[in-house]
Amino acid sequence: MPTIYSDNGFRFFFYSNDHLPIHIPVEKSGKTAKFLLDPIELTNSKKFSASELREIRIIINSKVDLFKEKWNEYFN
């Protein structure tokens, strides 16, 4: 599970056997979520509050190009 980016305790990563569509899992303190990257959309979340999900979305918006680039480097 390579870590792509960390911010404020959130860890954004890929699973080594991930699949399309392009997405980014995120975890923090036993909480997990997964966001599609194009368009940016929450697909599932466990235990994150609404305010944490807003914060995650802001981070993803600011780093979406990095996440897509790293996805393509890793899986292509």
N, C-alpha and C. Protein backbone atom coordinates (compact mmCIF):
# COMPACT_ATOMS: atom_id res chain seq x y z
N MET A 1 0.83 -1.17 0.00
CA MET A 1 0.00 0.00 0.00
C MET A 1 0.89 1.25 0.00
N PRO A 2 1.31 1.66 -1.17
CA PRO A 2 2.17 2.84 -1.19
C PRO A 2 1.42 4.11 -0.78
N THR A 3 2.01 4.85 0.16
CA THR A 3 1.45 6.14 0.57
C THR A 3 1.80 7.16 -0.49
N ILE A 4 0.80 7.91 -0.94
CA ILE A 4 0.99 8.92 -1.97
C ILE A 4 1.17 10.29 -1.34
N TYR A 5 0.43 10.54 -0.27
CA TYR A 5 0.45 11.87 0.34
C TYR A 5 -0.11 11.76 1.75
N SER A 6 0.40 12.59 2.65
CA SER A 6 -0.13 12.67 4.02
C SER A 6 -0.35 14.14 4.37
N ASP A 7 -1.43 14.41 5.10
CA ASP A 7 -1.75 15.78 5.50
C ASP A 7 -2.65 15.72 6.71
N ASN A 8 -2.26 16.40 7.77
CA ASN A 8 -3.08 16.52 8.98
C ASN A 8 -3.54 15.15 9.51
N GLY A 9 -2.66 14.17 9.40
CA GLY A 9 -2.97 12.83 9.89
C GLY A 9 -3.69 11.94 8.89
N PHE A 10 -4.15 12.49 7.79
CA PHE A 10 -4.80 11.70 6.74
C PHE A 10 -3.73 11.07 5.87
N ARG A 11 -3.89 9.79 5.56
CA ARG A 11 -2.96 9.09 4.67
C ARG A 11 -3.70 8.68 3.41
N PHE A 12 -3.20 9.18 2.29
CA PHE A 12 -3.76 8.87 0.98
C PHE A 12 -2.85 7.84 0.33
N PHE A 13 -3.43 6.77 -0.19
CA PHE A 13 -2.61 5.64 -0.64
C PHE A 13 -3.33 4.87 -1.74
N PHE A 14 -2.62 3.89 -2.32
CA PHE A 14 -3.21 2.93 -3.25
C PHE A 14 -2.97 1.54 -2.70
N TYR A 15 -3.87 0.63 -2.97
CA TYR A 15 -3.62 -0.78 -2.75
C TYR A 15 -2.86 -1.29 -3.97
N SER A 16 -1.95 -2.22 -3.79
CA SER A 16 -1.14 -2.70 -4.90
C SER A 16 -1.96 -3.41 -5.97
N ASN A 17 -3.15 -3.88 -5.62
CA ASN A 17 -4.01 -4.57 -6.60
C ASN A 17 -5.25 -3.75 -6.93
N ASP A 18 -5.16 -2.42 -6.82
CA ASP A 18 -6.31 -1.56 -7.09
C ASP A 18 -6.75 -1.67 -8.54
N HIS A 19 -7.89 -1.13 -8.85
CA HIS A 19 -8.53 -1.29 -10.16
C HIS A 19 -9.20 0.03 -10.55
N LEU A 20 -9.58 0.11 -11.81
CA LEU A 20 -10.33 1.27 -12.29
C LEU A 20 -11.73 1.25 -11.71
N PRO A 21 -12.39 2.38 -11.60
CA PRO A 21 -11.96 3.71 -11.99
C PRO A 21 -10.91 4.27 -11.04
N ILE A 22 -10.20 5.30 -11.50
CA ILE A 22 -9.15 5.91 -10.69
C ILE A 22 -9.78 6.46 -9.41
N HIS A 23 -9.20 6.09 -8.28
CA HIS A 23 -9.71 6.51 -6.98
C HIS A 23 -8.57 6.59 -5.98
N ILE A 24 -8.85 7.17 -4.82
CA ILE A 24 -7.84 7.28 -3.77
C ILE A 24 -8.47 6.89 -2.43
N PRO A 25 -7.97 5.86 -1.79
CA PRO A 25 -8.37 5.55 -0.42
C PRO A 25 -7.67 6.51 0.54
N VAL A 26 -8.32 6.76 1.66
CA VAL A 26 -7.74 7.62 2.70
C VAL A 26 -8.08 7.00 4.05
N GLU A 27 -7.13 7.12 4.99
CA GLU A 27 -7.38 6.60 6.33
C GLU A 27 -6.78 7.53 7.37
N LYS A 28 -7.35 7.46 8.56
CA LYS A 28 -6.84 8.21 9.71
C LYS A 28 -7.45 7.59 10.95
N SER A 29 -6.62 7.18 11.87
CA SER A 29 -7.08 6.69 13.18
C SER A 29 -8.18 5.65 13.09
N GLY A 30 -8.02 4.66 12.20
CA GLY A 30 -8.99 3.60 12.07
C GLY A 30 -10.21 3.95 11.24
N LYS A 31 -10.28 5.16 10.71
CA LYS A 31 -11.37 5.59 9.84
C LYS A 31 -10.90 5.45 8.40
N THR A 32 -11.83 5.12 7.50
CA THR A 32 -11.46 4.95 6.10
C THR A 32 -12.51 5.58 5.18
N ALA A 33 -12.04 5.92 3.98
CA ALA A 33 -12.94 6.43 2.94
C ALA A 33 -12.29 6.17 1.59
N LYS A 34 -13.12 6.25 0.55
CA LYS A 34 -12.61 6.12 -0.81
C LYS A 34 -13.30 7.15 -1.67
N PHE A 35 -12.49 7.89 -2.45
CA PHE A 35 -13.00 8.91 -3.35
C PHE A 35 -12.59 8.59 -4.77
N LEU A 36 -13.54 8.68 -5.71
CA LEU A 36 -13.21 8.68 -7.12
C LEU A 36 -12.49 9.99 -7.42
N LEU A 37 -11.64 9.99 -8.45
CA LEU A 37 -10.89 11.20 -8.76
C LEU A 37 -11.41 11.93 -9.99
N ASP A 38 -12.24 11.30 -10.80
CA ASP A 38 -12.73 11.98 -12.00
C ASP A 38 -14.13 11.53 -12.34
N PRO A 39 -15.15 12.21 -11.84
CA PRO A 39 -15.12 13.40 -11.01
C PRO A 39 -14.84 13.02 -9.55
N ILE A 40 -14.45 14.01 -8.76
CA ILE A 40 -14.17 13.76 -7.34
C ILE A 40 -15.50 13.48 -6.65
N GLU A 41 -15.59 12.26 -6.11
CA GLU A 41 -16.86 11.81 -5.54
C GLU A 41 -16.59 10.77 -4.46
N LEU A 42 -17.20 10.94 -3.32
CA LEU A 42 -17.10 9.97 -2.24
C LEU A 42 -17.86 8.70 -2.62
N THR A 43 -17.19 7.55 -2.53
CA THR A 43 -17.88 6.29 -2.82
C THR A 43 -18.22 5.51 -1.56
N ASN A 44 -17.38 5.63 -0.53
CA ASN A 44 -17.73 5.02 0.76
C ASN A 44 -16.89 5.64 1.86
N SER A 45 -17.43 5.54 3.07
CA SER A 45 -16.75 6.09 4.24
C SER A 45 -17.16 5.30 5.46
N LYS A 46 -16.20 5.06 6.33
CA LYS A 46 -16.46 4.40 7.61
C LYS A 46 -15.87 5.26 8.73
N LYS A 47 -16.75 5.81 9.53
CA LYS A 47 -16.42 6.52 10.77
C LYS A 47 -15.96 7.96 10.61
N PHE A 48 -15.71 8.45 9.39
CA PHE A 48 -15.34 9.85 9.24
C PHE A 48 -16.57 10.73 9.46
N SER A 49 -16.37 11.86 10.15
CA SER A 49 -17.44 12.83 10.33
C SER A 49 -17.61 13.65 9.06
N ALA A 50 -18.71 14.37 8.97
CA ALA A 50 -18.96 15.22 7.81
C ALA A 50 -17.87 16.28 7.67
N SER A 51 -17.41 16.84 8.78
CA SER A 51 -16.36 17.87 8.69
C SER A 51 -15.03 17.27 8.23
N GLU A 52 -14.73 16.04 8.65
CA GLU A 52 -13.51 15.38 8.17
C GLU A 52 -13.60 15.09 6.67
N LEU A 53 -14.77 14.66 6.22
CA LEU A 53 -14.95 14.38 4.80
C LEU A 53 -14.81 15.66 3.98
N ARG A 54 -15.29 16.79 4.50
CA ARG A 54 -15.09 18.07 3.81
C ARG A 54 -13.61 18.40 3.72
N GLU A 55 -12.88 18.19 4.82
CA GLU A 55 -11.45 18.45 4.83
C GLU A 55 -10.73 17.55 3.83
N ILE A 56 -11.09 16.29 3.79
CA ILE A 56 -10.49 15.35 2.84
C ILE A 56 -10.76 15.81 1.41
N ARG A 57 -11.99 16.22 1.13
CA ARG A 57 -12.35 16.67 -0.22
C ARG A 57 -11.51 17.89 -0.62
N ILE A 58 -11.28 18.81 0.31
CA ILE A 58 -10.45 19.98 0.03
C ILE A 58 -9.03 19.55 -0.32
N ILE A 59 -8.50 18.61 0.45
CA ILE A 59 -7.14 18.10 0.17
C ILE A 59 -7.10 17.44 -1.20
N ILE A 60 -8.08 16.60 -1.49
CA ILE A 60 -8.11 15.92 -2.79
C ILE A 60 -8.20 16.93 -3.92
N ASN A 61 -9.06 17.94 -3.77
CA ASN A 61 -9.16 18.97 -4.81
C ASN A 61 -7.81 19.63 -5.07
N SER A 62 -7.04 19.85 -4.03
CA SER A 62 -5.75 20.52 -4.20
C SER A 62 -4.67 19.59 -4.74
N LYS A 63 -4.85 18.29 -4.61
CA LYS A 63 -3.83 17.31 -5.00
C LYS A 63 -4.29 16.33 -6.07
N VAL A 64 -5.43 16.58 -6.69
CA VAL A 64 -5.99 15.61 -7.64
C VAL A 64 -5.03 15.30 -8.78
N ASP A 65 -4.31 16.30 -9.28
CA ASP A 65 -3.37 16.04 -10.37
C ASP A 65 -2.24 15.12 -9.91
N LEU A 66 -1.75 15.34 -8.69
CA LEU A 66 -0.70 14.48 -8.13
C LEU A 66 -1.21 13.05 -8.01
N PHE A 67 -2.43 12.88 -7.47
CA PHE A 67 -2.98 11.54 -7.29
C PHE A 67 -3.16 10.83 -8.62
N LYS A 68 -3.64 11.52 -9.64
CA LYS A 68 -3.81 10.91 -10.97
C LYS A 68 -2.45 10.54 -11.56
N GLU A 69 -1.49 11.44 -11.41
CA GLU A 69 -0.14 11.17 -11.93
C GLU A 69 0.45 9.93 -11.28
N LYS A 70 0.35 9.85 -9.96
CA LYS A 70 0.90 8.70 -9.23
C LYS A 70 0.16 7.41 -9.58
N TRP A 71 -1.17 7.50 -9.78
CA TRP A 71 -1.94 6.32 -10.20
C TRP A 71 -1.39 5.80 -11.53
N ASN A 72 -1.25 6.73 -12.48
CA ASN A 72 -0.77 6.32 -13.82
C ASN A 72 0.66 5.77 -13.77
N GLU A 73 1.51 6.36 -12.96
CA GLU A 73 2.88 5.83 -12.81
C GLU A 73 2.85 4.43 -12.21
N TYR A 74 2.03 4.21 -11.23
CA TYR A 74 2.03 2.94 -10.51
C TYR A 74 1.35 1.82 -11.29
N PHE A 75 0.23 2.13 -11.95
CA PHE A 75 -0.57 1.07 -12.57
C PHE A 75 -0.38 0.95 -14.06
N ASN A 76 0.38 1.84 -14.69
CA ASN A 76 0.61 1.73 -16.13
C ASN A 76 2.05 1.40 -16.46
